[in-house]
Amino acid sequence: MKEKEIRLRCWIEKGGVKFFGPGRLEILELIEIEGSISKAAKRMGMSYKKAWDMVDDLNKRGQQPFVILRKGGEKGGGAEITESGKKIISDYRRLAKKLQSILEEEAEILQLI
């Protein structure tokens, strides 16, 4: 028999539409590491188009852009996470940690199943 667990997925909606959650957190974190949307998308196993659409949506619907894009040239293009982007990453991580802590505190409910 499989082990029992409580699972929770949390995302932020804006205007009734998903705005930020685990997938967008991951793409921002990987952009921060890789310095590139295409490299981040590749590591996530998603198309560049899907990653670009996610970043574009974040930048357009956020109060401030989360990712700044640099055009190609001698050194090539790239992407950089803004201070707003870094803030949402850290705040969302903190929220996820709090929610996980609550789940762990309430794990006794699993004994009833």
N, C-alpha and C. Protein backbone atom coordinates (compact mmCIF):
# COMPACT_ATOMS: atom_id res chain seq x y z
N MET A 1 0.84 -1.18 0.00
CA MET A 1 0.00 0.00 0.00
C MET A 1 0.88 1.24 0.00
N LYS A 2 0.50 2.21 -0.78
CA LYS A 2 1.28 3.45 -0.86
C LYS A 2 1.16 4.24 0.43
N GLU A 3 2.22 4.97 0.72
CA GLU A 3 2.21 5.84 1.89
C GLU A 3 1.23 6.98 1.67
N LYS A 4 0.60 7.39 2.73
CA LYS A 4 -0.39 8.47 2.64
C LYS A 4 0.33 9.81 2.82
N GLU A 5 -0.16 10.80 2.14
CA GLU A 5 0.40 12.14 2.30
C GLU A 5 -0.65 13.18 1.95
N ILE A 6 -0.49 14.33 2.51
CA ILE A 6 -1.31 15.48 2.17
C ILE A 6 -0.52 16.29 1.18
N ARG A 7 -1.13 16.61 0.05
CA ARG A 7 -0.44 17.40 -0.97
C ARG A 7 -1.21 18.69 -1.18
N LEU A 8 -0.46 19.72 -1.45
CA LEU A 8 -1.05 21.04 -1.65
C LEU A 8 -0.29 21.76 -2.75
N ARG A 9 -1.02 22.33 -3.69
CA ARG A 9 -0.40 23.18 -4.72
C ARG A 9 -0.99 24.57 -4.54
N CYS A 10 -0.13 25.52 -4.51
CA CYS A 10 -0.55 26.90 -4.27
C CYS A 10 -0.16 27.75 -5.46
N TRP A 11 -1.07 28.58 -5.94
CA TRP A 11 -0.75 29.55 -6.97
C TRP A 11 -1.49 30.83 -6.67
N ILE A 12 -1.02 31.89 -7.27
CA ILE A 12 -1.62 33.21 -7.10
C ILE A 12 -2.40 33.52 -8.36
N GLU A 13 -3.64 33.95 -8.18
CA GLU A 13 -4.46 34.34 -9.32
C GLU A 13 -4.53 35.86 -9.38
N LYS A 14 -4.65 36.36 -10.58
CA LYS A 14 -4.84 37.79 -10.80
C LYS A 14 -5.95 37.91 -11.83
N GLY A 15 -7.01 38.60 -11.46
CA GLY A 15 -8.15 38.72 -12.36
C GLY A 15 -8.81 37.39 -12.64
N GLY A 16 -8.76 36.46 -11.68
CA GLY A 16 -9.37 35.15 -11.85
C GLY A 16 -8.58 34.20 -12.73
N VAL A 17 -7.37 34.58 -13.10
CA VAL A 17 -6.52 33.76 -13.95
C VAL A 17 -5.21 33.48 -13.22
N LYS A 18 -4.73 32.23 -13.31
CA LYS A 18 -3.46 31.89 -12.65
C LYS A 18 -2.38 32.86 -13.11
N PHE A 19 -1.64 33.36 -12.13
CA PHE A 19 -0.56 34.31 -12.42
C PHE A 19 0.80 33.74 -12.02
N PHE A 20 0.89 33.16 -10.82
CA PHE A 20 2.18 32.68 -10.33
C PHE A 20 1.98 31.43 -9.50
N GLY A 21 2.84 30.45 -9.74
CA GLY A 21 2.79 29.20 -9.00
C GLY A 21 4.08 28.44 -9.19
N PRO A 22 4.07 27.14 -8.91
CA PRO A 22 5.30 26.36 -8.95
C PRO A 22 6.03 26.38 -10.30
N GLY A 23 5.30 26.32 -11.40
CA GLY A 23 5.94 26.33 -12.71
C GLY A 23 6.65 27.63 -13.03
N ARG A 24 5.99 28.72 -12.73
CA ARG A 24 6.59 30.03 -12.98
C ARG A 24 7.73 30.31 -12.00
N LEU A 25 7.60 29.80 -10.80
CA LEU A 25 8.71 29.90 -9.85
C LEU A 25 9.93 29.19 -10.43
N GLU A 26 9.72 27.99 -10.93
CA GLU A 26 10.83 27.21 -11.47
C GLU A 26 11.48 27.89 -12.67
N ILE A 27 10.66 28.43 -13.58
CA ILE A 27 11.26 29.08 -14.76
C ILE A 27 12.08 30.30 -14.33
N LEU A 28 11.58 31.08 -13.37
CA LEU A 28 12.35 32.24 -12.90
C LEU A 28 13.65 31.80 -12.23
N GLU A 29 13.57 30.77 -11.41
CA GLU A 29 14.78 30.28 -10.74
C GLU A 29 15.82 29.80 -11.76
N LEU A 30 15.36 29.11 -12.79
CA LEU A 30 16.30 28.60 -13.79
C LEU A 30 16.84 29.72 -14.68
N ILE A 31 16.03 30.73 -14.96
CA ILE A 31 16.53 31.89 -15.71
C ILE A 31 17.63 32.57 -14.89
N GLU A 32 17.41 32.66 -13.59
CA GLU A 32 18.41 33.28 -12.71
C GLU A 32 19.72 32.49 -12.76
N ILE A 33 19.63 31.18 -12.78
CA ILE A 33 20.83 30.32 -12.82
C ILE A 33 21.48 30.35 -14.20
N GLU A 34 20.67 30.19 -15.23
CA GLU A 34 21.19 30.02 -16.60
C GLU A 34 21.44 31.33 -17.34
N GLY A 35 20.73 32.40 -16.94
CA GLY A 35 20.87 33.67 -17.65
C GLY A 35 20.23 33.65 -19.03
N SER A 36 19.29 32.72 -19.23
CA SER A 36 18.71 32.52 -20.55
C SER A 36 17.35 31.84 -20.42
N ILE A 37 16.37 32.35 -21.17
CA ILE A 37 15.06 31.70 -21.20
C ILE A 37 15.17 30.35 -21.91
N SER A 38 15.89 30.30 -23.01
CA SER A 38 15.97 29.04 -23.77
C SER A 38 16.66 27.95 -22.96
N LYS A 39 17.71 28.28 -22.24
CA LYS A 39 18.39 27.28 -21.42
C LYS A 39 17.50 26.84 -20.25
N ALA A 40 16.78 27.79 -19.67
CA ALA A 40 15.86 27.45 -18.58
C ALA A 40 14.75 26.53 -19.09
N ALA A 41 14.20 26.85 -20.26
CA ALA A 41 13.14 26.02 -20.85
C ALA A 41 13.65 24.62 -21.12
N LYS A 42 14.84 24.52 -21.65
CA LYS A 42 15.43 23.22 -21.96
C LYS A 42 15.56 22.38 -20.69
N ARG A 43 16.03 22.99 -19.61
CA ARG A 43 16.18 22.26 -18.33
C ARG A 43 14.83 21.81 -17.78
N MET A 44 13.77 22.56 -18.10
CA MET A 44 12.44 22.19 -17.63
C MET A 44 11.76 21.20 -18.57
N GLY A 45 12.35 20.97 -19.74
CA GLY A 45 11.75 20.08 -20.71
C GLY A 45 10.53 20.70 -21.39
N MET A 46 10.56 22.02 -21.55
CA MET A 46 9.44 22.70 -22.21
C MET A 46 9.96 23.47 -23.41
N SER A 47 9.05 23.85 -24.27
CA SER A 47 9.45 24.59 -25.46
C SER A 47 9.84 26.02 -25.08
N TYR A 48 10.69 26.60 -25.90
CA TYR A 48 11.07 28.00 -25.71
C TYR A 48 9.82 28.88 -25.77
N LYS A 49 8.92 28.57 -26.70
CA LYS A 49 7.68 29.37 -26.87
C LYS A 49 6.87 29.39 -25.59
N LYS A 50 6.70 28.23 -24.96
CA LYS A 50 5.93 28.17 -23.71
C LYS A 50 6.62 28.98 -22.62
N ALA A 51 7.93 28.84 -22.50
CA ALA A 51 8.68 29.59 -21.49
C ALA A 51 8.60 31.09 -21.77
N TRP A 52 8.75 31.47 -23.02
CA TRP A 52 8.65 32.87 -23.41
C TRP A 52 7.27 33.42 -23.05
N ASP A 53 6.21 32.66 -23.35
CA ASP A 53 4.85 33.10 -23.03
C ASP A 53 4.66 33.30 -21.53
N MET A 54 5.25 32.41 -20.73
CA MET A 54 5.15 32.55 -19.27
C MET A 54 5.84 33.83 -18.80
N VAL A 55 7.04 34.06 -19.29
CA VAL A 55 7.79 35.26 -18.91
C VAL A 55 7.08 36.52 -19.39
N ASP A 56 6.59 36.48 -20.61
CA ASP A 56 5.88 37.63 -21.17
C ASP A 56 4.65 37.96 -20.34
N ASP A 57 3.89 36.93 -19.95
CA ASP A 57 2.70 37.13 -19.12
C ASP A 57 3.07 37.72 -17.75
N LEU A 58 4.12 37.18 -17.15
CA LEU A 58 4.56 37.73 -15.86
C LEU A 58 4.94 39.20 -15.98
N ASN A 59 5.69 39.51 -17.03
CA ASN A 59 6.14 40.89 -17.22
C ASN A 59 4.98 41.83 -17.52
N LYS A 60 4.01 41.38 -18.29
CA LYS A 60 2.88 42.24 -18.67
C LYS A 60 1.87 42.42 -17.54
N ARG A 61 1.59 41.35 -16.79
CA ARG A 61 0.55 41.43 -15.77
C ARG A 61 1.08 41.78 -14.38
N GLY A 62 2.39 41.73 -14.20
CA GLY A 62 2.96 42.11 -12.91
C GLY A 62 3.01 43.63 -12.77
N GLN A 63 3.19 44.10 -11.55
CA GLN A 63 3.31 45.55 -11.34
C GLN A 63 4.56 46.09 -12.01
N GLN A 64 5.61 45.27 -12.02
CA GLN A 64 6.88 45.62 -12.67
C GLN A 64 7.40 44.36 -13.35
N PRO A 65 8.24 44.51 -14.36
CA PRO A 65 8.79 43.32 -15.03
C PRO A 65 9.60 42.45 -14.05
N PHE A 66 9.52 41.14 -14.25
CA PHE A 66 10.28 40.19 -13.44
C PHE A 66 11.54 39.73 -14.16
N VAL A 67 11.54 39.88 -15.49
CA VAL A 67 12.68 39.44 -16.29
C VAL A 67 13.01 40.54 -17.30
N ILE A 68 14.30 40.85 -17.41
CA ILE A 68 14.78 41.80 -18.41
C ILE A 68 15.51 40.99 -19.47
N LEU A 69 15.19 41.24 -20.72
CA LEU A 69 15.82 40.53 -21.83
C LEU A 69 16.89 41.40 -22.46
N ARG A 70 18.02 40.77 -22.81
CA ARG A 70 19.09 41.45 -23.52
C ARG A 70 19.16 40.89 -24.92
N LYS A 71 19.18 41.77 -25.88
CA LYS A 71 19.26 41.34 -27.29
C LYS A 71 20.63 40.74 -27.55
N GLY A 72 20.70 39.92 -28.59
CA GLY A 72 21.96 39.30 -28.99
C GLY A 72 22.97 40.33 -29.46
N GLY A 73 24.10 39.90 -29.78
CA GLY A 73 25.19 40.77 -30.20
C GLY A 73 26.49 40.03 -30.04
N GLU A 74 27.55 40.77 -29.78
CA GLU A 74 28.85 40.16 -29.60
C GLU A 74 28.84 39.09 -28.52
N LYS A 75 28.26 39.43 -27.40
CA LYS A 75 28.24 38.51 -26.26
C LYS A 75 26.99 37.64 -26.25
N GLY A 76 26.11 37.82 -27.22
CA GLY A 76 24.87 37.05 -27.25
C GLY A 76 23.82 37.67 -26.35
N GLY A 77 22.60 37.22 -26.51
CA GLY A 77 21.50 37.75 -25.70
C GLY A 77 21.44 37.04 -24.37
N GLY A 78 20.39 37.31 -23.66
CA GLY A 78 20.23 36.66 -22.37
C GLY A 78 19.05 37.22 -21.63
N ALA A 79 18.88 36.78 -20.42
CA ALA A 79 17.77 37.22 -19.58
C ALA A 79 18.29 37.37 -18.16
N GLU A 80 17.73 38.33 -17.47
CA GLU A 80 18.14 38.61 -16.09
C GLU A 80 16.89 38.83 -15.24
N ILE A 81 16.91 38.30 -14.05
CA ILE A 81 15.80 38.47 -13.12
C ILE A 81 15.94 39.84 -12.44
N THR A 82 14.85 40.60 -12.42
CA THR A 82 14.85 41.92 -11.79
C THR A 82 14.71 41.77 -10.28
N GLU A 83 14.83 42.88 -9.58
CA GLU A 83 14.62 42.86 -8.13
C GLU A 83 13.20 42.40 -7.80
N SER A 84 12.21 42.82 -8.60
CA SER A 84 10.82 42.36 -8.40
C SER A 84 10.74 40.85 -8.58
N GLY A 85 11.45 40.33 -9.57
CA GLY A 85 11.47 38.90 -9.80
C GLY A 85 12.11 38.15 -8.65
N LYS A 86 13.21 38.68 -8.14
CA LYS A 86 13.88 38.05 -7.00
C LYS A 86 12.99 38.08 -5.76
N LYS A 87 12.23 39.16 -5.62
CA LYS A 87 11.34 39.30 -4.46
C LYS A 87 10.21 38.28 -4.52
N ILE A 88 9.59 38.12 -5.71
CA ILE A 88 8.50 37.14 -5.79
C ILE A 88 9.02 35.73 -5.59
N ILE A 89 10.23 35.45 -6.06
CA ILE A 89 10.83 34.13 -5.83
C ILE A 89 10.97 33.89 -4.32
N SER A 90 11.56 34.82 -3.61
CA SER A 90 11.80 34.61 -2.18
C SER A 90 10.50 34.61 -1.39
N ASP A 91 9.56 35.47 -1.74
CA ASP A 91 8.28 35.52 -1.01
C ASP A 91 7.46 34.26 -1.26
N TYR A 92 7.46 33.78 -2.50
CA TYR A 92 6.70 32.56 -2.81
C TYR A 92 7.34 31.35 -2.12
N ARG A 93 8.66 31.29 -2.11
CA ARG A 93 9.35 30.20 -1.40
C ARG A 93 8.97 30.21 0.08
N ARG A 94 8.96 31.42 0.67
CA ARG A 94 8.62 31.55 2.09
C ARG A 94 7.18 31.08 2.33
N LEU A 95 6.26 31.48 1.45
CA LEU A 95 4.87 31.04 1.56
C LEU A 95 4.77 29.52 1.46
N ALA A 96 5.45 28.93 0.50
CA ALA A 96 5.41 27.48 0.31
C ALA A 96 5.96 26.76 1.54
N LYS A 97 6.99 27.31 2.14
CA LYS A 97 7.58 26.72 3.34
C LYS A 97 6.58 26.76 4.51
N LYS A 98 5.89 27.89 4.65
CA LYS A 98 4.87 28.00 5.71
C LYS A 98 3.74 27.00 5.49
N LEU A 99 3.29 26.88 4.25
CA LEU A 99 2.21 25.94 3.95
C LEU A 99 2.65 24.51 4.21
N GLN A 100 3.89 24.17 3.85
CA GLN A 100 4.41 22.83 4.11
C GLN A 100 4.48 22.56 5.61
N SER A 101 4.84 23.57 6.37
CA SER A 101 4.90 23.43 7.82
C SER A 101 3.51 23.14 8.40
N ILE A 102 2.51 23.82 7.88
CA ILE A 102 1.13 23.58 8.33
C ILE A 102 0.72 22.15 8.00
N LEU A 103 1.05 21.69 6.79
CA LEU A 103 0.71 20.32 6.41
C LEU A 103 1.36 19.31 7.35
N GLU A 104 2.60 19.55 7.69
CA GLU A 104 3.31 18.64 8.59
C GLU A 104 2.68 18.65 9.98
N GLU A 105 2.25 19.81 10.44
CA GLU A 105 1.60 19.92 11.75
C GLU A 105 0.26 19.18 11.77
N GLU A 106 -0.41 19.12 10.63
CA GLU A 106 -1.73 18.51 10.56
C GLU A 106 -1.69 17.07 10.03
N ALA A 107 -0.52 16.50 9.95
CA ALA A 107 -0.37 15.15 9.36
C ALA A 107 -1.10 14.05 10.13
N GLU A 108 -1.45 14.32 11.37
CA GLU A 108 -2.14 13.29 12.15
C GLU A 108 -3.49 12.88 11.54
N ILE A 109 -4.04 13.76 10.71
CA ILE A 109 -5.30 13.42 10.06
C ILE A 109 -5.16 12.17 9.18
N LEU A 110 -3.95 11.89 8.73
CA LEU A 110 -3.70 10.74 7.89
C LEU A 110 -3.92 9.42 8.65
N GLN A 111 -3.85 9.46 9.96
CA GLN A 111 -4.08 8.26 10.77
C GLN A 111 -5.53 7.82 10.68
N LEU A 112 -6.42 8.73 10.29
CA LEU A 112 -7.83 8.41 10.18
C LEU A 112 -8.18 7.73 8.86
N ILE A 113 -7.20 7.68 7.97
CA ILE A 113 -7.47 7.15 6.62
C ILE A 113 -6.87 5.77 6.47
